[in-house]
Amino acid sequence: MSSLLRLYITGAWPARTTACEWALYDTKGSLLQRGSSEPRHWPAAEDCELVLAADQCLTLDVKLPAGVRGAARGGDLIAYAIEERLVGEVEHEHFVAGETRPDGQTQVWVIARARLRALLGALQQLARAPRRAFSELQLLPLASGCWSVCLGTQGGFVRVGAEAGFVFDSGSARAEPPVALHLALAAAKKADNPPESIDVYCAPGIDLDAGAWKSALGVPFRRAGEYEWRNLPTRTARNLLTGEFTPQGERGAAWAAFRPAASLAALVLVLYALFSIGEWIWLDQQAGRLRARTVEIFRAAFPQVQTIVDPSLQMQRLYDQAKRERGQLGESDFLPLLAAVSETLGSGGAYRSLSFEEGRLELAITLPNARAAERLRDALAQRGLAPTLRESRPAGTGIEASFSVRRGL
């Protein structure tokens, strides 16, 4: 199977005509066959490319901030920059950023999204999946410092830069230069950047009045030769199939470039997950050993207790009970709890009310603000107590905070 089938797509394809010109190339880029036919007669090929007639694309100069050139170009920034220069809605257009010239201007290719969708949809039904699509404008030879003009049967186009140009209607272009070319030359002269000369290429069977052109242009003019899109190189042409129109194979290739890094990241995540699970299992085993050791200590200290539910809590209660039986205060009694709260509070507040019941100290304290109440709660917790800040309400120049405090474990 040959390497590449290149299709020349006019604005009429496929709505008004399904036949188109085509060229078949081998793996070295040599032309094997050429023709113009319906899709069923197109030769088989491994790859497919589209040459879009120049009138289907628009090129615009856009001034982008220096910090967003390169990979960041495109997207909302370019859409905003070109919105006022388009006839329709910018959301309906597909644009591709081209090269940035030394003056900071970036070339932007614009083509209707609906047009690209229609082309790719029709070709998909024909089992053809193009990997590239580019404007015919980029095929026209361009000498340094010169402009190139192509005259065809239905009109023509002018290439004024590597990725810049415009189209014109045929009209009387064979007899004299088109009006669009006159206007572009006038603008270039006003900007002090006229071309050194103009090269004109004519499609097969097209001729022009060289004398009239030479006298009308005001710049050196040269009949450069015949224009034949099939014979021109396309290596440097800007591919318009980007973004949502990127071929599936190229998306896969782009993903392949990131696959090693993604695989490494996945491996790191797996190792981290295994380490975390292993650490959790080890900590759980350690906690189990500590619980078992706590039960052993509890049984040794209080052999009379048969049922053990929470050894730490039960030990604290039995310890307090033993102290009370000997005339001592337990840690969860009123005075020890109040002493702990008072030491923590210091001079930062004043008691408004106190009550004690079943090991729980209820108190209301005036404090400067809500933040002070939170700090007091945290400080009590650090002393081994179990405080609960029930509510706080305005009181004079500060607040009144209600706490419930128990002895923690």
Protein backbone atom coordinates (compact mmCIF):
# COMPACT_ATOMS: atom_id res chain seq x y z
CA MET A 1 0.00 0.00 0.00
CA SER A 2 1.29 3.46 -0.88
CA SER A 3 2.12 5.96 1.82
CA LEU A 4 0.04 9.10 1.40
CA LEU A 5 -3.12 10.29 -0.35
CA ARG A 6 -3.43 14.06 -0.52
CA LEU A 7 -6.88 15.50 -1.31
CA TYR A 8 -7.52 18.99 -2.66
CA ILE A 9 -10.70 20.19 -0.93
CA THR A 10 -12.60 23.16 -2.33
CA GLY A 11 -15.36 25.03 -0.55
CA ALA A 12 -17.95 23.10 -2.59
CA TRP A 13 -16.90 19.69 -1.23
CA PRO A 14 -18.89 17.66 -0.20
CA ALA A 15 -22.14 19.70 -0.20
CA ARG A 16 -22.23 20.59 -3.92
CA THR A 17 -19.75 18.13 -5.37
CA THR A 18 -18.16 14.92 -4.13
CA ALA A 19 -15.41 14.68 -6.73
CA CYS A 20 -12.06 16.28 -5.96
CA GLU A 21 -8.49 16.38 -7.17
CA TRP A 22 -6.05 14.02 -5.49
CA ALA A 23 -2.42 12.95 -5.54
CA LEU A 24 -0.80 9.74 -4.34
CA TYR A 25 2.77 9.73 -2.97
CA ASP A 26 5.14 6.97 -1.93
CA THR A 27 7.05 6.76 1.34
CA LYS A 28 9.76 9.08 -0.03
CA GLY A 29 7.28 11.75 -1.09
CA SER A 30 7.54 11.04 -4.81
CA LEU A 31 4.35 11.55 -6.82
CA LEU A 32 2.97 8.20 -8.03
CA GLN A 33 -0.48 9.05 -9.37
CA ARG A 34 -2.73 12.04 -9.79
CA GLY A 35 -6.33 12.47 -10.72
CA SER A 36 -9.74 13.97 -10.07
CA SER A 37 -12.56 11.59 -9.23
CA GLU A 38 -15.37 10.53 -6.93
CA PRO A 39 -14.33 9.06 -3.56
CA ARG A 40 -14.99 5.49 -4.68
CA HIS A 41 -12.17 5.85 -7.19
CA TRP A 42 -9.62 7.27 -4.77
CA PRO A 43 -6.61 4.97 -4.41
CA ALA A 44 -5.90 3.17 -1.14
CA ALA A 45 -3.25 4.72 1.10
CA GLU A 46 -1.92 4.40 4.62
CA ASP A 47 -2.29 8.12 5.41
CA CYS A 48 -4.44 10.97 4.22
CA GLU A 49 -3.92 14.73 4.15
CA LEU A 50 -6.17 17.62 3.16
CA VAL A 51 -5.15 20.65 1.14
CA LEU A 52 -7.85 23.26 1.80
CA ALA A 53 -8.49 25.83 -0.91
CA ALA A 54 -7.21 29.21 0.29
CA ASP A 55 -10.68 30.79 0.58
CA GLN A 56 -11.64 28.47 3.46
CA CYS A 57 -9.14 29.92 5.94
CA LEU A 58 -8.44 33.36 7.32
CA THR A 59 -5.13 34.59 8.71
CA LEU A 60 -4.96 37.35 11.32
CA ASP A 61 -2.12 39.12 13.10
CA VAL A 62 -2.54 39.11 16.88
CA LYS A 63 -0.40 40.92 19.44
CA LEU A 64 0.00 38.63 22.45
CA PRO A 65 1.69 39.51 25.75
CA ALA A 66 5.27 38.28 25.89
CA GLY A 67 4.60 36.11 28.93
CA VAL A 68 2.01 33.96 27.17
CA ARG A 69 3.82 33.06 23.99
CA GLY A 70 4.76 29.51 23.22
CA ALA A 71 2.74 26.71 24.77
CA ALA A 72 0.34 29.09 26.50
CA ARG A 73 -0.82 30.67 23.25
CA GLY A 74 -4.37 29.95 22.22
CA GLY A 75 -7.55 29.35 24.11
CA ASP A 76 -9.45 32.24 25.64
CA LEU A 77 -6.63 34.73 25.12
CA ILE A 78 -6.56 34.41 21.32
CA ALA A 79 -10.37 34.22 21.20
CA TYR A 80 -10.54 37.54 23.02
CA ALA A 81 -7.88 39.08 20.76
CA ILE A 82 -9.62 38.19 17.48
CA GLU A 83 -13.27 38.41 18.54
CA GLU A 84 -13.86 41.95 17.27
CA ARG A 85 -12.23 41.15 13.91
CA LEU A 86 -14.61 38.31 13.06
CA VAL A 87 -18.01 38.61 11.43
CA GLY A 88 -19.58 35.72 13.35
CA GLU A 89 -19.33 34.48 16.91
CA VAL A 90 -15.83 33.48 18.00
CA GLU A 91 -17.25 30.28 19.56
CA HIS A 92 -18.08 29.07 16.04
CA GLU A 93 -14.48 29.38 14.86
CA HIS A 94 -11.50 27.07 15.22
CA PHE A 95 -8.17 28.86 15.46
CA VAL A 96 -4.57 27.73 15.48
CA ALA A 97 -1.67 29.93 16.60
CA GLY A 98 1.19 30.13 14.13
CA GLU A 99 4.64 31.64 14.36
CA THR A 100 5.43 34.84 16.26
CA ARG A 101 7.39 37.38 14.24
CA PRO A 102 10.18 39.56 15.69
CA ASP A 103 7.72 42.47 15.99
CA GLY A 104 5.65 40.41 18.46
CA GLN A 105 2.77 39.74 16.08
CA THR A 106 1.49 36.15 16.09
CA GLN A 107 -0.17 34.67 13.02
CA VAL A 108 -3.50 33.00 13.78
CA TRP A 109 -5.29 30.66 11.37
CA VAL A 110 -9.09 30.78 11.56
CA ILE A 111 -11.53 28.29 10.03
CA ALA A 112 -15.17 27.57 10.84
CA ARG A 113 -15.67 24.72 13.29
CA ALA A 114 -18.75 23.60 11.36
CA ARG A 115 -16.69 23.36 8.18
CA LEU A 116 -14.06 21.13 9.78
CA ARG A 117 -16.73 18.94 11.40
CA ALA A 118 -18.47 18.52 8.04
CA LEU A 119 -15.22 17.59 6.29
CA LEU A 120 -14.08 15.11 8.92
CA GLY A 121 -17.56 13.60 9.23
CA ALA A 122 -17.83 13.03 5.48
CA LEU A 123 -14.34 11.52 5.31
CA GLN A 124 -15.06 9.27 8.28
CA GLN A 125 -18.00 7.80 6.39
CA LEU A 126 -15.58 7.12 3.53
CA ALA A 127 -13.17 5.36 5.93
CA ARG A 128 -10.60 8.12 5.43
CA ALA A 129 -9.03 9.64 8.53
CA PRO A 130 -6.80 12.62 7.64
CA ARG A 131 -3.90 13.25 9.99
CA ARG A 132 -3.18 16.74 8.63
CA ALA A 133 -5.10 19.60 7.05
CA PHE A 134 -3.49 22.81 5.88
CA SER A 135 -4.27 25.83 3.77
CA GLU A 136 -3.27 25.93 0.13
CA LEU A 137 -1.87 29.38 0.84
CA GLN A 138 1.18 27.81 2.51
CA LEU A 139 2.08 25.77 -0.58
CA LEU A 140 2.83 28.77 -2.77
CA PRO A 141 6.61 29.36 -3.03
CA LEU A 142 7.77 32.49 -1.21
CA ALA A 143 11.14 34.16 -1.66
CA SER A 144 12.65 36.25 1.12
CA GLY A 145 11.42 39.86 1.01
CA CYS A 146 8.93 39.08 -1.77
CA TRP A 147 5.23 38.44 -2.16
CA SER A 148 3.78 35.60 -4.20
CA VAL A 149 0.52 35.70 -6.16
CA CYS A 150 -1.42 32.70 -7.43
CA LEU A 151 -3.91 33.17 -10.27
CA GLY A 152 -6.46 30.38 -10.65
CA THR A 153 -9.60 29.76 -12.64
CA GLN A 154 -11.95 30.86 -9.84
CA GLY A 155 -9.83 33.59 -8.29
CA GLY A 156 -6.53 33.59 -6.52
CA PHE A 157 -4.60 34.34 -3.38
CA VAL A 158 -1.53 36.24 -2.23
CA ARG A 159 1.09 34.97 0.18
CA VAL A 160 2.83 37.83 1.98
CA GLY A 161 4.59 35.86 4.73
CA ALA A 162 5.33 32.39 6.00
CA GLU A 163 1.82 32.15 7.46
CA ALA A 164 0.10 35.27 6.16
CA GLY A 165 -1.90 36.10 3.07
CA PHE A 166 -5.32 36.81 1.61
CA VAL A 167 -7.60 35.72 -1.23
CA PHE A 168 -9.21 37.71 -4.03
CA ASP A 169 -11.91 37.19 -6.66
CA SER A 170 -10.82 36.59 -10.22
CA GLY A 171 -12.73 39.47 -11.87
CA SER A 172 -10.36 41.13 -14.29
CA ALA A 173 -7.25 39.90 -12.48
CA ARG A 174 -5.76 38.47 -15.66
CA ALA A 175 -5.82 41.88 -17.34
CA GLU A 176 -4.66 43.88 -14.32
CA PRO A 177 -3.76 43.30 -10.66
CA PRO A 178 -6.77 42.74 -8.37
CA VAL A 179 -7.99 45.57 -6.15
CA ALA A 180 -7.14 43.59 -3.00
CA LEU A 181 -3.50 43.44 -4.10
CA HIS A 182 -3.43 47.21 -4.77
CA LEU A 183 -4.82 47.90 -1.28
CA ALA A 184 -2.35 45.53 0.40
CA LEU A 185 0.57 47.16 -1.43
CA ALA A 186 -0.62 50.63 -0.42
CA ALA A 187 -0.85 49.54 3.23
CA ALA A 188 2.63 47.96 3.09
CA LYS A 189 4.13 51.12 1.58
CA LYS A 190 2.46 53.25 4.24
CA ALA A 191 3.98 50.99 6.90
CA ASP A 192 7.35 51.33 5.13
CA ASN A 193 7.44 47.58 4.51
CA PRO A 194 6.70 47.01 0.81
CA PRO A 195 7.86 43.82 -0.93
CA GLU A 196 11.05 43.94 -2.93
CA SER A 197 9.26 42.21 -5.80
CA ILE A 198 6.15 40.19 -6.60
CA ASP A 199 6.26 36.69 -8.08
CA VAL A 200 3.16 35.54 -9.95
CA TYR A 201 2.27 31.87 -10.41
CA CYS A 202 -0.55 30.90 -12.75
CA ALA A 203 -2.61 27.73 -12.64
CA PRO A 204 -2.49 25.55 -15.79
CA GLY A 205 -4.28 27.26 -18.68
CA ILE A 206 -4.24 30.71 -17.03
CA ASP A 207 -2.41 33.65 -18.57
CA LEU A 208 -2.13 37.32 -17.65
CA ASP A 209 -1.28 40.65 -19.23
CA ALA A 210 2.29 40.96 -17.96
CA GLY A 211 2.67 44.51 -19.28
CA ALA A 212 -0.45 45.78 -17.53
CA TRP A 213 0.54 44.11 -14.28
CA LYS A 214 4.07 45.50 -14.39
CA SER A 215 2.96 49.08 -15.01
CA ALA A 216 0.17 48.94 -12.40
CA LEU A 217 2.02 47.41 -9.46
CA GLY A 218 4.78 49.97 -8.99
CA VAL A 219 7.16 47.26 -7.69
CA PRO A 220 9.29 44.77 -9.62
CA PHE A 221 7.14 42.02 -11.12
CA ARG A 222 8.12 38.54 -12.30
CA ARG A 223 6.20 35.72 -13.94
CA ALA A 224 7.57 32.91 -11.76
CA GLY A 225 5.98 29.88 -13.38
CA GLU A 226 3.04 27.52 -13.23
CA TYR A 227 1.24 26.73 -9.98
CA GLU A 228 0.58 23.05 -9.34
CA TRP A 229 -0.36 22.18 -5.76
CA ARG A 230 0.57 18.50 -6.19
CA ASN A 231 4.24 19.27 -6.80
CA LEU A 232 4.83 21.56 -3.83
CA PRO A 233 6.30 20.52 -0.45
CA THR A 234 4.10 20.57 2.66
CA ARG A 235 6.57 19.81 5.46
CA THR A 236 6.40 23.29 7.01
CA ALA A 237 2.66 23.82 6.50
CA ARG A 238 0.71 24.53 9.69
CA ASN A 239 -1.56 21.63 10.61
CA LEU A 240 -5.08 22.87 11.38
CA LEU A 241 -6.20 19.60 12.98
CA THR A 242 -5.47 20.57 16.56
CA GLY A 243 -7.43 20.64 19.80
CA GLU A 244 -10.81 18.96 19.41
CA PHE A 245 -9.91 17.99 15.82
CA THR A 246 -6.63 16.24 16.66
CA PRO A 247 -6.59 12.77 15.05
CA GLN A 248 -6.99 9.90 17.49
CA GLY A 249 -3.62 8.44 16.58
CA GLU A 250 -1.81 11.67 17.39
CA ARG A 251 -3.68 11.95 20.68
CA GLY A 252 -2.39 8.49 21.49
CA ALA A 253 1.12 9.55 20.50
CA ALA A 254 0.87 12.59 22.75
CA TRP A 255 -0.28 10.36 25.59
CA ALA A 256 2.59 7.97 24.88
CA ALA A 257 5.05 10.79 25.59
CA PHE A 258 3.60 11.15 29.10
CA ARG A 259 3.09 7.43 29.70
CA PRO A 260 6.48 6.81 31.42
CA ALA A 261 5.91 9.67 33.86
CA ALA A 262 2.33 8.53 34.46
CA SER A 263 3.50 4.96 35.05
CA LEU A 264 6.11 6.17 37.52
CA ALA A 265 3.50 8.27 39.33
CA ALA A 266 1.15 5.28 39.48
CA LEU A 267 3.95 3.10 40.87
CA VAL A 268 4.71 5.71 43.54
CA LEU A 269 1.03 5.84 44.51
CA VAL A 270 0.83 2.04 44.73
CA LEU A 271 3.97 1.88 46.89
CA TYR A 272 2.65 4.68 49.09
CA ALA A 273 -0.68 2.88 49.47
CA LEU A 274 1.07 -0.40 50.36
CA PHE A 275 3.30 1.39 52.86
CA SER A 276 0.32 3.18 54.41
CA ILE A 277 -1.66 -0.05 54.70
CA GLY A 278 1.35 -1.82 56.20
CA GLU A 279 1.89 1.01 58.67
CA TRP A 280 -1.80 0.95 59.63
CA ILE A 281 -1.67 -2.81 60.24
CA TRP A 282 1.49 -2.41 62.37
CA LEU A 283 -0.06 0.42 64.41
CA ASP A 284 -3.23 -1.61 64.91
CA GLN A 285 -1.16 -4.53 66.18
CA GLN A 286 0.73 -2.21 68.54
CA ALA A 287 -2.55 -0.77 69.81
CA GLY A 288 -3.83 -4.31 70.40
CA ARG A 289 -0.72 -5.17 72.42
CA LEU A 290 -1.12 -2.01 74.50
CA ARG A 291 -4.78 -2.83 75.18
CA ALA A 292 -3.84 -6.36 76.22
CA ARG A 293 -1.09 -5.00 78.48
CA THR A 294 -3.55 -2.53 80.03
CA VAL A 295 -5.96 -5.36 80.82
CA GLU A 296 -3.13 -7.37 82.42
CA ILE A 297 -2.14 -4.41 84.63
CA PHE A 298 -5.79 -3.83 85.57
CA ARG A 299 -6.30 -7.49 86.57
CA ALA A 300 -3.13 -7.40 88.65
CA ALA A 301 -4.22 -4.22 90.46
CA PHE A 302 -7.91 -5.12 90.87
CA PRO A 303 -8.26 -8.91 90.80
CA GLN A 304 -11.75 -8.70 92.32
CA VAL A 305 -13.23 -7.15 89.15
CA GLN A 306 -14.54 -9.87 86.85
CA THR A 307 -15.96 -7.80 83.98
CA ILE A 308 -13.57 -5.52 82.11
CA VAL A 309 -15.06 -3.16 79.52
CA ASP A 310 -12.84 -0.06 79.57
CA PRO A 311 -9.82 -0.77 81.77
CA SER A 312 -8.54 2.83 81.77
CA LEU A 313 -11.88 4.31 82.84
CA GLN A 314 -12.56 1.53 85.33
CA MET A 315 -9.08 1.91 86.83
CA GLN A 316 -9.56 5.68 87.24
CA ARG A 317 -12.89 5.19 89.00
CA LEU A 318 -11.59 2.45 91.29
CA TYR A 319 -8.52 4.53 92.09
CA ASP A 320 -10.72 7.50 93.02
CA GLN A 321 -12.92 5.21 95.10
CA ALA A 322 -9.89 3.86 96.97
CA LYS A 323 -8.69 7.40 97.71
CA ARG A 324 -12.12 8.41 99.03
CA GLU A 325 -12.23 5.35 101.31
CA ARG A 326 -8.99 6.65 102.84
CA GLY A 327 -10.35 10.17 103.26
CA GLN A 328 -8.67 11.62 100.17
CA LEU A 329 -10.20 13.45 97.22
CA GLY A 330 -10.45 11.68 93.88
CA GLU A 331 -9.22 13.27 90.66
CA SER A 332 -12.80 13.65 89.42
CA ASP A 333 -14.11 15.29 92.60
CA PHE A 334 -15.23 18.90 92.78
CA LEU A 335 -12.17 20.53 94.34
CA PRO A 336 -9.50 18.87 92.12
CA LEU A 337 -11.53 19.75 89.01
CA LEU A 338 -12.06 23.35 90.17
CA ALA A 339 -8.37 23.70 91.04
CA ALA A 340 -7.34 22.50 87.59
CA VAL A 341 -9.74 24.92 85.91
CA SER A 342 -8.63 27.84 88.11
CA GLU A 343 -4.95 27.21 87.44
CA THR A 344 -5.66 27.18 83.71
CA LEU A 345 -7.92 30.25 83.79
CA GLY A 346 -5.57 32.38 85.90
CA SER A 347 -6.61 36.04 85.81
CA GLY A 348 -8.02 35.85 82.30
CA GLY A 349 -11.66 35.60 83.42
CA ALA A 350 -14.12 35.55 86.31
CA TYR A 351 -16.59 32.89 87.50
CA ARG A 352 -20.29 33.71 87.20
CA SER A 353 -21.71 30.37 88.40
CA LEU A 354 -20.55 26.88 89.49
CA SER A 355 -22.27 23.52 89.90
CA PHE A 356 -21.06 19.93 90.29
CA GLU A 357 -22.82 16.63 89.76
CA GLU A 358 -21.60 13.06 89.15
CA GLY A 359 -18.05 14.05 88.31
CA ARG A 360 -19.09 16.89 85.98
CA LEU A 361 -18.27 20.51 86.75
CA GLU A 362 -20.62 23.06 85.19
CA LEU A 363 -19.39 26.66 85.20
CA ALA A 364 -20.04 30.01 83.55
CA ILE A 365 -17.07 32.35 83.07
CA THR A 366 -16.78 35.91 81.74
CA LEU A 367 -14.05 36.21 79.12
CA PRO A 368 -12.85 38.99 76.78
CA ASN A 369 -14.03 37.34 73.56
CA ALA A 370 -14.95 34.08 71.82
CA ARG A 371 -11.33 33.42 70.90
CA ALA A 372 -10.40 33.47 74.61
CA ALA A 373 -13.10 30.85 75.27
CA GLU A 374 -11.63 28.58 72.60
CA ARG A 375 -8.12 29.02 74.01
CA LEU A 376 -9.37 28.10 77.50
CA ARG A 377 -11.07 24.98 76.16
CA ASP A 378 -7.88 23.89 74.39
CA ALA A 379 -5.75 24.59 77.48
CA LEU A 380 -8.07 22.48 79.68
CA ALA A 381 -7.84 19.61 77.21
CA GLN A 382 -4.03 19.79 77.35
CA ARG A 383 -4.21 19.34 81.17
CA GLY A 384 -5.97 16.00 80.73
CA LEU A 385 -9.51 17.28 81.23
CA ALA A 386 -12.49 16.74 78.94
CA PRO A 387 -14.03 20.23 78.48
CA THR A 388 -17.12 21.07 76.42
CA LEU A 389 -17.86 24.67 75.43
CA ARG A 390 -21.65 24.65 75.52
CA GLU A 391 -22.42 28.25 74.55
CA SER A 392 -21.15 31.80 74.62
CA ARG A 393 -23.20 35.00 74.67
CA PRO A 394 -22.43 38.72 74.94
CA ALA A 395 -22.00 40.04 78.46
CA GLY A 396 -20.95 43.66 78.96
CA THR A 397 -17.68 44.32 77.14
CA GLY A 398 -16.94 40.61 76.73
CA ILE A 399 -18.79 37.30 76.64
CA GLU A 400 -20.14 34.75 79.09
CA ALA A 401 -19.01 31.21 78.20
CA SER A 402 -20.61 28.07 79.65
CA PHE A 403 -18.35 25.02 80.10
CA SER A 404 -18.88 21.43 81.17
CA VAL A 405 -15.67 19.82 82.46
CA ARG A 406 -14.91 16.19 83.33
CA ARG A 407 -11.72 14.41 84.22
CA GLY A 408 -10.27 12.93 81.06
CA LEU A 409 -8.54 9.60 80.65
